[in-house]
Amino acid sequence: MADSNSLPNEIVQAIATANAESIGEQPAVLANLALAQEIFNRNMQQQIALSQQQALNLIQLAVVAKCVAIIDKLDVSADPAGTQQLVGGIKEILKCVSGLQEQAKQTS
């Protein structure tokens, strides 16, 4: 010991060794953190895509159910021209839903 205020050489050496080990491990720790962040980001992207697909499926189900209800109530003998016009409108709605599905597939 040099004076009463300094630490013993063994303690100084142990601290220096611990600091060197900590500095040596730092790149691995940072790489693990970066990998964890990347995994988290991909997981969130997949959850968002799944949520969007579920919402689109619900919209499609509602549209198809409404179309079925309209078709079920049709009285073809009462107004054939109106029936054809209604069927044409339903076809347009289904085309729009199909277009939404294609658009959702392209964005995900």
PDB file of N, CA and C in Angstrom:
ATOM      1  N   MET A   1       0.833  -1.181   0.000  1.00  0.00           N
ATOM      2  CA  MET A   1       0.000   0.000   0.000  1.00  0.00           C
ATOM      3  C   MET A   1       0.871   1.235   0.000  1.00  0.00           C
ATOM      4  N   ALA A   2       0.527   2.191  -0.891  1.00  0.00           N
ATOM      5  CA  ALA A   2       1.331   3.399  -0.987  1.00  0.00           C
ATOM      6  C   ALA A   2       1.001   4.364   0.128  1.00  0.00           C
ATOM      7  N   ASP A   3      -0.288   4.619   0.349  1.00  0.00           N
ATOM      8  CA  ASP A   3      -0.689   5.473   1.472  1.00  0.00           C
ATOM      9  C   ASP A   3      -2.003   4.962   2.038  1.00  0.00           C
ATOM     10  N   SER A   4      -2.518   5.617   3.065  1.00  0.00           N
ATOM     11  CA  SER A   4      -3.714   5.120   3.757  1.00  0.00           C
ATOM     12  C   SER A   4      -4.992   5.328   2.947  1.00  0.00           C
ATOM     13  N   ASN A   5      -4.983   6.206   1.937  1.00  0.00           N
ATOM     14  CA  ASN A   5      -6.186   6.493   1.148  1.00  0.00           C
ATOM     15  C   ASN A   5      -6.318   5.610  -0.093  1.00  0.00           C
ATOM     16  N   SER A   6      -5.288   4.943  -0.514  1.00  0.00           N
ATOM     17  CA  SER A   6      -5.352   4.141  -1.738  1.00  0.00           C
ATOM     18  C   SER A   6      -5.844   2.729  -1.435  1.00  0.00           C
ATOM     19  N   LEU A   7      -6.429   2.117  -2.452  1.00  0.00           N
ATOM     20  CA  LEU A   7      -6.926   0.748  -2.325  1.00  0.00           C
ATOM     21  C   LEU A   7      -5.771  -0.231  -2.472  1.00  0.00           C
ATOM     22  N   PRO A   8      -5.939  -1.410  -1.915  1.00  0.00           N
ATOM     23  CA  PRO A   8      -4.892  -2.422  -2.098  1.00  0.00           C
ATOM     24  C   PRO A   8      -4.790  -2.817  -3.574  1.00  0.00           C
ATOM     25  N   ASN A   9      -3.620  -3.237  -3.982  1.00  0.00           N
ATOM     26  CA  ASN A   9      -3.372  -3.595  -5.379  1.00  0.00           C
ATOM     27  C   ASN A   9      -4.280  -4.718  -5.859  1.00  0.00           C
ATOM     28  N   GLU A  10      -4.610  -5.680  -4.988  1.00  0.00           N
ATOM     29  CA  GLU A  10      -5.479  -6.784  -5.375  1.00  0.00           C
ATOM     30  C   GLU A  10      -6.873  -6.287  -5.768  1.00  0.00           C
ATOM     31  N   ILE A  11      -7.383  -5.324  -5.007  1.00  0.00           N
ATOM     32  CA  ILE A  11      -8.716  -4.774  -5.293  1.00  0.00           C
ATOM     33  C   ILE A  11      -8.683  -3.973  -6.586  1.00  0.00           C
ATOM     34  N   VAL A  12      -7.657  -3.180  -6.774  1.00  0.00           N
ATOM     35  CA  VAL A  12      -7.517  -2.397  -8.005  1.00  0.00           C
ATOM     36  C   VAL A  12      -7.435  -3.333  -9.208  1.00  0.00           C
ATOM     37  N   GLN A  13      -6.668  -4.413  -9.076  1.00  0.00           N
ATOM     38  CA  GLN A  13      -6.536  -5.384 -10.161  1.00  0.00           C
ATOM     39  C   GLN A  13      -7.870  -6.077 -10.445  1.00  0.00           C
ATOM     40  N   ALA A  14      -8.624  -6.416  -9.400  1.00  0.00           N
ATOM     41  CA  ALA A  14      -9.922  -7.070  -9.577  1.00  0.00           C
ATOM     42  C   ALA A  14     -10.906  -6.145 -10.280  1.00  0.00           C
ATOM     43  N   ILE A  15     -10.890  -4.864  -9.909  1.00  0.00           N
ATOM     44  CA  ILE A  15     -11.776  -3.883 -10.553  1.00  0.00           C
ATOM     45  C   ILE A  15     -11.395  -3.723 -12.021  1.00  0.00           C
ATOM     46  N   ALA A  16     -10.121  -3.649 -12.306  1.00  0.00           N
ATOM     47  CA  ALA A  16      -9.666  -3.501 -13.692  1.00  0.00           C
ATOM     48  C   ALA A  16     -10.057  -4.722 -14.521  1.00  0.00           C
ATOM     49  N   THR A  17      -9.933  -5.902 -13.945  1.00  0.00           N
ATOM     50  CA  THR A  17     -10.311  -7.129 -14.656  1.00  0.00           C
ATOM     51  C   THR A  17     -11.808  -7.156 -14.929  1.00  0.00           C
ATOM     52  N   ALA A  18     -12.604  -6.786 -13.927  1.00  0.00           N
ATOM     53  CA  ALA A  18     -14.064  -6.760 -14.102  1.00  0.00           C
ATOM     54  C   ALA A  18     -14.463  -5.754 -15.173  1.00  0.00           C
ATOM     55  N   ASN A  19     -13.823  -4.585 -15.182  1.00  0.00           N
ATOM     56  CA  ASN A  19     -14.125  -3.577 -16.201  1.00  0.00           C
ATOM     57  C   ASN A  19     -13.756  -4.077 -17.596  1.00  0.00           C
ATOM     58  N   ALA A  20     -12.624  -4.748 -17.709  1.00  0.00           N
ATOM     59  CA  ALA A  20     -12.202  -5.272 -19.012  1.00  0.00           C
ATOM     60  C   ALA A  20     -13.178  -6.339 -19.502  1.00  0.00           C
ATOM     61  N   GLU A  21     -13.635  -7.208 -18.601  1.00  0.00           N
ATOM     62  CA  GLU A  21     -14.609  -8.230 -18.992  1.00  0.00           C
ATOM     63  C   GLU A  21     -15.925  -7.592 -19.422  1.00  0.00           C
ATOM     64  N   SER A  22     -16.338  -6.565 -18.685  1.00  0.00           N
ATOM     65  CA  SER A  22     -17.594  -5.877 -19.016  1.00  0.00           C
ATOM     66  C   SER A  22     -17.510  -5.227 -20.391  1.00  0.00           C
ATOM     67  N   ILE A  23     -16.392  -4.593 -20.666  1.00  0.00           N
ATOM     68  CA  ILE A  23     -16.209  -3.949 -21.970  1.00  0.00           C
ATOM     69  C   ILE A  23     -16.151  -5.000 -23.074  1.00  0.00           C
ATOM     70  N   GLY A  24     -15.548  -6.136 -22.795  1.00  0.00           N
ATOM     71  CA  GLY A  24     -15.463  -7.208 -23.782  1.00  0.00           C
ATOM     72  C   GLY A  24     -16.813  -7.825 -24.099  1.00  0.00           C
ATOM     73  N   GLU A  25     -17.712  -7.861 -23.122  1.00  0.00           N
ATOM     74  CA  GLU A  25     -19.038  -8.448 -23.324  1.00  0.00           C
ATOM     75  C   GLU A  25     -20.031  -7.473 -23.948  1.00  0.00           C
ATOM     76  N   GLN A  26     -19.713  -6.203 -23.955  1.00  0.00           N
ATOM     77  CA  GLN A  26     -20.656  -5.186 -24.417  1.00  0.00           C
ATOM     78  C   GLN A  26     -21.140  -5.402 -25.853  1.00  0.00           C
ATOM     79  N   PRO A  27     -20.298  -5.727 -26.829  1.00  0.00           N
ATOM     80  CA  PRO A  27     -20.821  -5.950 -28.189  1.00  0.00           C
ATOM     81  C   PRO A  27     -21.846  -7.082 -28.258  1.00  0.00           C
ATOM     82  N   ALA A  28     -21.614  -8.145 -27.510  1.00  0.00           N
ATOM     83  CA  ALA A  28     -22.569  -9.255 -27.513  1.00  0.00           C
ATOM     84  C   ALA A  28     -23.899  -8.828 -26.900  1.00  0.00           C
ATOM     85  N   VAL A  29     -23.848  -8.063 -25.839  1.00  0.00           N
ATOM     86  CA  VAL A  29     -25.077  -7.578 -25.202  1.00  0.00           C
ATOM     87  C   VAL A  29     -25.836  -6.672 -26.159  1.00  0.00           C
ATOM     88  N   LEU A  30     -25.124  -5.775 -26.816  1.00  0.00           N
ATOM     89  CA  LEU A  30     -25.775  -4.868 -27.764  1.00  0.00           C
ATOM     90  C   LEU A  30     -26.357  -5.629 -28.956  1.00  0.00           C
ATOM     91  N   ALA A  31     -25.663  -6.646 -29.417  1.00  0.00           N
ATOM     92  CA  ALA A  31     -26.184  -7.457 -30.524  1.00  0.00           C
ATOM     93  C   ALA A  31     -27.452  -8.184 -30.093  1.00  0.00           C
ATOM     94  N   ASN A  32     -27.473  -8.699 -28.870  1.00  0.00           N
ATOM     95  CA  ASN A  32     -28.675  -9.364 -28.365  1.00  0.00           C
ATOM     96  C   ASN A  32     -29.838  -8.389 -28.252  1.00  0.00           C
ATOM     97  N   LEU A  33     -29.568  -7.179 -27.799  1.00  0.00           N
ATOM     98  CA  LEU A  33     -30.628  -6.166 -27.709  1.00  0.00           C
ATOM     99  C   LEU A  33     -31.168  -5.811 -29.094  1.00  0.00           C
ATOM    100  N   ALA A  34     -30.279  -5.674 -30.060  1.00  0.00           N
ATOM    101  CA  ALA A  34     -30.715  -5.355 -31.424  1.00  0.00           C
ATOM    102  C   ALA A  34     -31.553  -6.491 -32.004  1.00  0.00           C
ATOM    103  N   LEU A  35     -31.149  -7.726 -31.760  1.00  0.00           N
ATOM    104  CA  LEU A  35     -31.911  -8.874 -32.245  1.00  0.00           C
ATOM    105  C   LEU A  35     -33.283  -8.933 -31.580  1.00  0.00           C
ATOM    106  N   ALA A  36     -33.327  -8.682 -30.287  1.00  0.00           N
ATOM    107  CA  ALA A  36     -34.609  -8.684 -29.574  1.00  0.00           C
ATOM    108  C   ALA A  36     -35.535  -7.606 -30.126  1.00  0.00           C
ATOM    109  N   GLN A  37     -34.998  -6.440 -30.440  1.00  0.00           N
ATOM    110  CA  GLN A  37     -35.805  -5.357 -30.997  1.00  0.00           C
ATOM    111  C   GLN A  37     -36.327  -5.728 -32.381  1.00  0.00           C
ATOM    112  N   GLU A  38     -35.500  -6.363 -33.192  1.00  0.00           N
ATOM    113  CA  GLU A  38     -35.916  -6.789 -34.534  1.00  0.00           C
ATOM    114  C   GLU A  38     -37.029  -7.833 -34.449  1.00  0.00           C
ATOM    115  N   ILE A  39     -36.887  -8.782 -33.541  1.00  0.00           N
ATOM    116  CA  ILE A  39     -37.926  -9.800 -33.353  1.00  0.00           C
ATOM    117  C   ILE A  39     -39.222  -9.151 -32.900  1.00  0.00           C
ATOM    118  N   PHE A  40     -39.130  -8.210 -31.978  1.00  0.00           N
ATOM    119  CA  PHE A  40     -40.320  -7.501 -31.494  1.00  0.00           C
ATOM    120  C   PHE A  40     -41.008  -6.750 -32.634  1.00  0.00           C
ATOM    121  N   ASN A  41     -40.226  -6.057 -33.456  1.00  0.00           N
ATOM    122  CA  ASN A  41     -40.797  -5.294 -34.568  1.00  0.00           C
ATOM    123  C   ASN A  41     -41.503  -6.207 -35.569  1.00  0.00           C
ATOM    124  N   ARG A  42     -40.895  -7.327 -35.896  1.00  0.00           N
ATOM    125  CA  ARG A  42     -41.529  -8.264 -36.840  1.00  0.00           C
ATOM    126  C   ARG A  42     -42.807  -8.851 -36.256  1.00  0.00           C
ATOM    127  N   ASN A  43     -42.779  -9.144 -34.979  1.00  0.00           N
ATOM    128  CA  ASN A  43     -43.967  -9.673 -34.319  1.00  0.00           C
ATOM    129  C   ASN A  43     -45.101  -8.652 -34.369  1.00  0.00           C
ATOM    130  N   MET A  44     -44.778  -7.393 -34.123  1.00  0.00           N
ATOM    131  CA  MET A  44     -45.805  -6.346 -34.171  1.00  0.00           C
ATOM    132  C   MET A  44     -46.356  -6.191 -35.587  1.00  0.00           C
ATOM    133  N   GLN A  45     -45.502  -6.259 -36.590  1.00  0.00           N
ATOM    134  CA  GLN A  45     -45.960  -6.168 -37.975  1.00  0.00           C
ATOM    135  C   GLN A  45     -46.906  -7.311 -38.315  1.00  0.00           C
ATOM    136  N   GLN A  46     -46.585  -8.496 -37.848  1.00  0.00           N
ATOM    137  CA  GLN A  46     -47.448  -9.647 -38.116  1.00  0.00           C
ATOM    138  C   GLN A  46     -48.785  -9.511 -37.400  1.00  0.00           C
ATOM    139  N   GLN A  47     -48.765  -8.989 -36.183  1.00  0.00           N
ATOM    140  CA  GLN A  47     -50.015  -8.796 -35.451  1.00  0.00           C
ATOM    141  C   GLN A  47     -50.898  -7.759 -36.138  1.00  0.00           C
ATOM    142  N   ILE A  48     -50.291  -6.700 -36.645  1.00  0.00           N
ATOM    143  CA  ILE A  48     -51.052  -5.666 -37.354  1.00  0.00           C
ATOM    144  C   ILE A  48     -51.649  -6.242 -38.632  1.00  0.00           C
ATOM    145  N   ALA A  49     -50.854  -7.004 -39.381  1.00  0.00           N
ATOM    146  CA  ALA A  49     -51.366  -7.615 -40.615  1.00  0.00           C
ATOM    147  C   ALA A  49     -52.514  -8.571 -40.312  1.00  0.00           C
ATOM    148  N   LEU A  50     -52.386  -9.341 -39.256  1.00  0.00           N
ATOM    149  CA  LEU A  50     -53.447 -10.268 -38.869  1.00  0.00           C
ATOM    150  C   LEU A  50     -54.707  -9.512 -38.474  1.00  0.00           C
ATOM    151  N   SER A  51     -54.537  -8.437 -37.743  1.00  0.00           N
ATOM    152  CA  SER A  51     -55.682  -7.622 -37.333  1.00  0.00           C
ATOM    153  C   SER A  51     -56.397  -7.026 -38.542  1.00  0.00           C
ATOM    154  N   GLN A  52     -55.629  -6.547 -39.504  1.00  0.00           N
ATOM    155  CA  GLN A  52     -56.228  -5.990 -40.716  1.00  0.00           C
ATOM    156  C   GLN A  52     -56.973  -7.062 -41.501  1.00  0.00           C
ATOM    157  N   GLN A  53     -56.407  -8.244 -41.585  1.00  0.00           N
ATOM    158  CA  GLN A  53     -57.063  -9.332 -42.301  1.00  0.00           C
ATOM    159  C   GLN A  53     -58.353  -9.733 -41.605  1.00  0.00           C
ATOM    160  N   GLN A  54     -58.346  -9.783 -40.282  1.00  0.00           N
ATOM    161  CA  GLN A  54     -59.559 -10.128 -39.544  1.00  0.00           C
ATOM    162  C   GLN A  54     -60.644  -9.082 -39.768  1.00  0.00           C
ATOM    163  N   ALA A  55     -60.261  -7.804 -39.776  1.00  0.00           N
ATOM    164  CA  ALA A  55     -61.238  -6.742 -40.016  1.00  0.00           C
ATOM    165  C   ALA A  55     -61.829  -6.865 -41.417  1.00  0.00           C
ATOM    166  N   LEU A  56     -60.984  -7.144 -42.386  1.00  0.00           N
ATOM    167  CA  LEU A  56     -61.463  -7.311 -43.758  1.00  0.00           C
ATOM    168  C   LEU A  56     -62.391  -8.518 -43.872  1.00  0.00           C
ATOM    169  N   ASN A  57     -62.060  -9.597 -43.176  1.00  0.00           N
ATOM    170  CA  ASN A  57     -62.926 -10.775 -43.191  1.00  0.00           C
ATOM    171  C   ASN A  57     -64.294 -10.465 -42.584  1.00  0.00           C
ATOM    172  N   LEU A  58     -64.322  -9.678 -41.523  1.00  0.00           N
ATOM    173  CA  LEU A  58     -65.601  -9.301 -40.914  1.00  0.00           C
ATOM    174  C   LEU A  58     -66.438  -8.452 -41.863  1.00  0.00           C
ATOM    175  N   ILE A  59     -65.782  -7.522 -42.559  1.00  0.00           N
ATOM    176  CA  ILE A  59     -66.505  -6.690 -43.529  1.00  0.00           C
ATOM    177  C   ILE A  59     -67.070  -7.567 -44.643  1.00  0.00           C
ATOM    178  N   GLN A  60     -66.257  -8.474 -45.133  1.00  0.00           N
ATOM    179  CA  GLN A  60     -66.713  -9.362 -46.209  1.00  0.00           C
ATOM    180  C   GLN A  60     -67.886 -10.216 -45.737  1.00  0.00           C
ATOM    181  N   LEU A  61     -67.823 -10.725 -44.533  1.00  0.00           N
ATOM    182  CA  LEU A  61     -68.906 -11.539 -43.997  1.00  0.00           C
ATOM    183  C   LEU A  61     -70.196 -10.731 -43.902  1.00  0.00           C
ATOM    184  N   ALA A  62     -70.088  -9.485 -43.438  1.00  0.00           N
ATOM    185  CA  ALA A  62     -71.274  -8.639 -43.328  1.00  0.00           C
ATOM    186  C   ALA A  62     -71.868  -8.337 -44.702  1.00  0.00           C
ATOM    187  N   VAL A  63     -71.016  -8.060 -45.673  1.00  0.00           N
ATOM    188  CA  VAL A  63     -71.495  -7.756 -47.027  1.00  0.00           C
ATOM    189  C   VAL A  63     -72.184  -8.968 -47.637  1.00  0.00           C
ATOM    190  N   VAL A  64     -71.575 -10.125 -47.510  1.00  0.00           N
ATOM    191  CA  VAL A  64     -72.173 -11.334 -48.077  1.00  0.00           C
ATOM    192  C   VAL A  64     -73.495 -11.651 -47.382  1.00  0.00           C
ATOM    193  N   ALA A  65     -73.540 -11.482 -46.068  1.00  0.00           N
ATOM    194  CA  ALA A  65     -74.786 -11.741 -45.337  1.00  0.00           C
ATOM    195  C   ALA A  65     -75.893 -10.797 -45.795  1.00  0.00           C
ATOM    196  N   LYS A  66     -75.552  -9.534 -46.010  1.00  0.00           N
ATOM    197  CA  LYS A  66     -76.547  -8.567 -46.482  1.00  0.00           C
ATOM    198  C   LYS A  66     -77.012  -8.931 -47.891  1.00  0.00           C
ATOM    199  N   CYS A  67     -76.085  -9.326 -48.753  1.00  0.00           N
ATOM    200  CA  CYS A  67     -76.455  -9.730 -50.116  1.00  0.00           C
ATOM    201  C   CYS A  67     -77.383 -10.941 -50.092  1.00  0.00           C
ATOM    202  N   VAL A  68     -77.080 -11.898 -49.236  1.00  0.00           N
ATOM    203  CA  VAL A  68     -77.927 -13.087 -49.131  1.00  0.00           C
ATOM    204  C   VAL A  68     -79.316 -12.702 -48.638  1.00  0.00           C
ATOM    205  N   ALA A  69     -79.381 -11.801 -47.669  1.00  0.00           N
ATOM    206  CA  ALA A  69     -80.683 -11.363 -47.159  1.00  0.00           C
ATOM    207  C   ALA A  69     -81.487 -10.656 -48.245  1.00  0.00           C
ATOM    208  N   ILE A  70     -80.823  -9.827 -49.039  1.00  0.00           N
ATOM    209  CA  ILE A  70     -81.518  -9.120 -50.125  1.00  0.00           C
ATOM    210  C   ILE A  70     -82.016 -10.112 -51.172  1.00  0.00           C
ATOM    211  N   ILE A  71     -81.157 -11.043 -51.557  1.00  0.00           N
ATOM    212  CA  ILE A  71     -81.550 -12.036 -52.561  1.00  0.00           C
ATOM    213  C   ILE A  71     -82.699 -12.893 -52.046  1.00  0.00           C
ATOM    214  N   ASP A  72     -82.656 -13.231 -50.776  1.00  0.00           N
ATOM    215  CA  ASP A  72     -83.692 -14.069 -50.182  1.00  0.00           C
ATOM    216  C   ASP A  72     -85.058 -13.384 -50.215  1.00  0.00           C
ATOM    217  N   LYS A  73     -85.073 -12.052 -50.103  1.00  0.00           N
ATOM    218  CA  LYS A  73     -86.337 -11.309 -50.077  1.00  0.00           C
ATOM    219  C   LYS A  73     -86.858 -10.962 -51.470  1.00  0.00           C
ATOM    220  N   LEU A  74     -86.083 -11.261 -52.505  1.00  0.00           N
ATOM    221  CA  LEU A  74     -86.499 -10.896 -53.860  1.00  0.00           C
ATOM    222  C   LEU A  74     -87.762 -11.653 -54.277  1.00  0.00           C
ATOM    223  N   ASP A  75     -88.626 -10.920 -54.950  1.00  0.00           N
ATOM    224  CA  ASP A  75     -89.801 -11.536 -55.566  1.00  0.00           C
ATOM    225  C   ASP A  75     -89.665 -11.295 -57.061  1.00  0.00           C
ATOM    226  N   VAL A  76     -89.092 -12.260 -57.741  1.00  0.00           N
ATOM    227  CA  VAL A  76     -88.764 -12.121 -59.161  1.00  0.00           C
ATOM    228  C   VAL A  76     -90.005 -11.863 -59.998  1.00  0.00           C
ATOM    229  N   SER A  77     -91.100 -12.473 -59.655  1.00  0.00           N
ATOM    230  CA  SER A  77     -92.311 -12.324 -60.472  1.00  0.00           C
ATOM    231  C   SER A  77     -92.903 -10.923 -60.358  1.00  0.00           C
ATOM    232  N   ALA A  78     -92.682 -10.219 -59.260  1.00  0.00           N
ATOM    233  CA  ALA A  78     -93.273  -8.896 -59.072  1.00  0.00           C
ATOM    234  C   ALA A  78     -92.572  -7.830 -59.918  1.00  0.00           C
ATOM    235  N   ASP A  79     -91.249  -7.856 -59.974  1.00  0.00           N
ATOM    236  CA  ASP A  79     -90.522  -6.813 -60.693  1.00  0.00           C
ATOM    237  C   ASP A  79     -89.227  -7.394 -61.269  1.00  0.00           C
ATOM    238  N   PRO A  80     -89.290  -8.019 -62.435  1.00  0.00           N
ATOM    239  CA  PRO A  80     -88.095  -8.653 -63.011  1.00  0.00           C
ATOM    240  C   PRO A  80     -86.976  -7.660 -63.326  1.00  0.00           C
ATOM    241  N   ALA A  81     -87.315  -6.476 -63.813  1.00  0.00           N
ATOM    242  CA  ALA A  81     -86.284  -5.483 -64.152  1.00  0.00           C
ATOM    243  C   ALA A  81     -85.588  -4.985 -62.887  1.00  0.00           C
ATOM    244  N   GLY A  82     -86.358  -4.726 -61.859  1.00  0.00           N
ATOM    245  CA  GLY A  82     -85.775  -4.286 -60.588  1.00  0.00           C
ATOM    246  C   GLY A  82     -84.886  -5.355 -59.979  1.00  0.00           C
ATOM    247  N   THR A  83     -85.300  -6.592 -60.141  1.00  0.00           N
ATOM    248  CA  THR A  83     -84.503  -7.708 -59.634  1.00  0.00           C
ATOM    249  C   THR A  83     -83.158  -7.769 -60.340  1.00  0.00           C
ATOM    250  N   GLN A  84     -83.167  -7.614 -61.655  1.00  0.00           N
ATOM    251  CA  GLN A  84     -81.915  -7.637 -62.415  1.00  0.00           C
ATOM    252  C   GLN A  84     -81.007  -6.484 -62.000  1.00  0.00           C
ATOM    253  N   GLN A  85     -81.601  -5.319 -61.766  1.00  0.00           N
ATOM    254  CA  GLN A  85     -80.818  -4.161 -61.344  1.00  0.00           C
ATOM    255  C   GLN A  85     -80.206  -4.419 -59.964  1.00  0.00           C
ATOM    256  N   LEU A  86     -80.978  -5.009 -59.074  1.00  0.00           N
ATOM    257  CA  LEU A  86     -80.490  -5.315 -57.735  1.00  0.00           C
ATOM    258  C   LEU A  86     -79.362  -6.344 -57.779  1.00  0.00           C
ATOM    259  N   VAL A  87     -79.522  -7.359 -58.607  1.00  0.00           N
ATOM    260  CA  VAL A  87     -78.474  -8.372 -58.752  1.00  0.00           C
ATOM    261  C   VAL A  87     -77.200  -7.733 -59.304  1.00  0.00           C
ATOM    262  N   GLY A  88     -77.348  -6.808 -60.245  1.00  0.00           N
ATOM    263  CA  GLY A  88     -76.183  -6.091 -60.773  1.00  0.00           C
ATOM    264  C   GLY A  88     -75.482  -5.287 -59.689  1.00  0.00           C
ATOM    265  N   GLY A  89     -76.267  -4.645 -58.827  1.00  0.00           N
ATOM    266  CA  GLY A  89     -75.678  -3.896 -57.709  1.00  0.00           C
ATOM    267  C   GLY A  89     -74.929  -4.800 -56.747  1.00  0.00           C
ATOM    268  N   ILE A  90     -75.493  -5.960 -56.491  1.00  0.00           N
ATOM    269  CA  ILE A  90     -74.826  -6.918 -55.603  1.00  0.00           C
ATOM    270  C   ILE A  90     -73.510  -7.382 -56.210  1.00  0.00           C
ATOM    271  N   LYS A  91     -73.502  -7.604 -57.515  1.00  0.00           N
ATOM    272  CA  LYS A  91     -72.264  -8.006 -58.182  1.00  0.00           C
ATOM    273  C   LYS A  91     -71.196  -6.923 -58.038  1.00  0.00           C
ATOM    274  N   GLU A  92     -71.613  -5.667 -58.161  1.00  0.00           N
ATOM    275  CA  GLU A  92     -70.666  -4.555 -58.004  1.00  0.00           C
ATOM    276  C   GLU A  92     -70.100  -4.516 -56.584  1.00  0.00           C
ATOM    277  N   ILE A  93     -70.959  -4.747 -55.611  1.00  0.00           N
ATOM    278  CA  ILE A  93     -70.498  -4.761 -54.219  1.00  0.00           C
ATOM    279  C   ILE A  93     -69.469  -5.869 -54.015  1.00  0.00           C
ATOM    280  N   LEU A  94     -69.749  -7.036 -54.549  1.00  0.00           N
ATOM    281  CA  LEU A  94     -68.817  -8.153 -54.400  1.00  0.00           C
ATOM    282  C   LEU A  94     -67.496  -7.885 -55.115  1.00  0.00           C
ATOM    283  N   LYS A  95     -67.542  -7.171 -56.256  1.00  0.00           N
ATOM    284  CA  LYS A  95     -66.303  -6.793 -56.940  1.00  0.00           C
ATOM    285  C   LYS A  95     -65.481  -5.851 -56.065  1.00  0.00           C
ATOM    286  N   CYS A  96     -66.163  -4.913 -55.409  1.00  0.00           N
ATOM    287  CA  CYS A  96     -65.458  -3.974 -54.522  1.00  0.00           C
ATOM    288  C   CYS A  96     -64.796  -4.715 -53.362  1.00  0.00           C
ATOM    289  N   VAL A  97     -65.512  -5.661 -52.784  1.00  0.00           N
ATOM    290  CA  VAL A  97     -64.947  -6.446 -51.681  1.00  0.00           C
ATOM    291  C   VAL A  97     -63.744  -7.243 -52.168  1.00  0.00           C
ATOM    292  N   SER A  98     -63.853  -7.817 -53.356  1.00  0.00           N
ATOM    293  CA  SER A  98     -62.735  -8.566 -53.923  1.00  0.00           C
ATOM    294  C   SER A  98     -61.532  -7.651 -54.151  1.00  0.00           C
ATOM    295  N   GLY A  99     -61.792  -6.443 -54.633  1.00  0.00           N
ATOM    296  CA  GLY A  99     -60.715  -5.470 -54.822  1.00  0.00           C
ATOM    297  C   GLY A  99     -60.050  -5.099 -53.508  1.00  0.00           C
ATOM    298  N   LEU A 100     -60.845  -4.960 -52.448  1.00  0.00           N
ATOM    299  CA  LEU A 100     -60.282  -4.666 -51.133  1.00  0.00           C
ATOM    300  C   LEU A 100     -59.386  -5.802 -50.654  1.00  0.00           C
ATOM    301  N   GLN A 101     -59.802  -7.018 -50.924  1.00  0.00           N
ATOM    302  CA  GLN A 101     -58.986  -8.166 -50.529  1.00  0.00           C
ATOM    303  C   GLN A 101     -57.653  -8.165 -51.261  1.00  0.00           C
ATOM    304  N   GLU A 102     -57.680  -7.909 -52.542  1.00  0.00           N
ATOM    305  CA  GLU A 102     -56.443  -7.879 -53.323  1.00  0.00           C
ATOM    306  C   GLU A 102     -55.525  -6.771 -52.823  1.00  0.00           C
ATOM    307  N   GLN A 103     -56.109  -5.630 -52.519  1.00  0.00           N
ATOM    308  CA  GLN A 103     -55.324  -4.504 -52.022  1.00  0.00           C
ATOM    309  C   GLN A 103     -54.703  -4.846 -50.672  1.00  0.00           C
ATOM    310  N   ALA A 104     -55.446  -5.516 -49.818  1.00  0.00           N
ATOM    311  CA  ALA A 104     -54.923  -5.908 -48.506  1.00  0.00           C
ATOM    312  C   ALA A 104     -53.796  -6.924 -48.649  1.00  0.00           C
ATOM    313  N   LYS A 105     -53.905  -7.831 -49.614  1.00  0.00           N
ATOM    314  CA  LYS A 105     -52.854  -8.828 -49.831  1.00  0.00           C
ATOM    315  C   LYS A 105     -51.570  -8.163 -50.305  1.00  0.00           C
ATOM    316  N   GLN A 106     -51.703  -7.133 -51.129  1.00  0.00           N
ATOM    317  CA  GLN A 106     -50.521  -6.456 -51.661  1.00  0.00           C
ATOM    318  C   GLN A 106     -49.810  -5.646 -50.592  1.00  0.00           C
ATOM    319  N   THR A 107     -50.554  -5.086 -49.635  1.00  0.00           N
ATOM    320  CA  THR A 107     -49.930  -4.265 -48.603  1.00  0.00           C
ATOM    321  C   THR A 107     -49.306  -5.095 -47.502  1.00  0.00           C
ATOM    322  N   SER A 108     -49.727  -6.351 -47.358  1.00  0.00           N
ATOM    323  CA  SER A 108     -49.152  -7.161 -46.269  1.00  0.00           C
ATOM    324  C   SER A 108     -48.054  -8.059 -46.742  1.00  0.00           C
TER     325      SER A 108
END
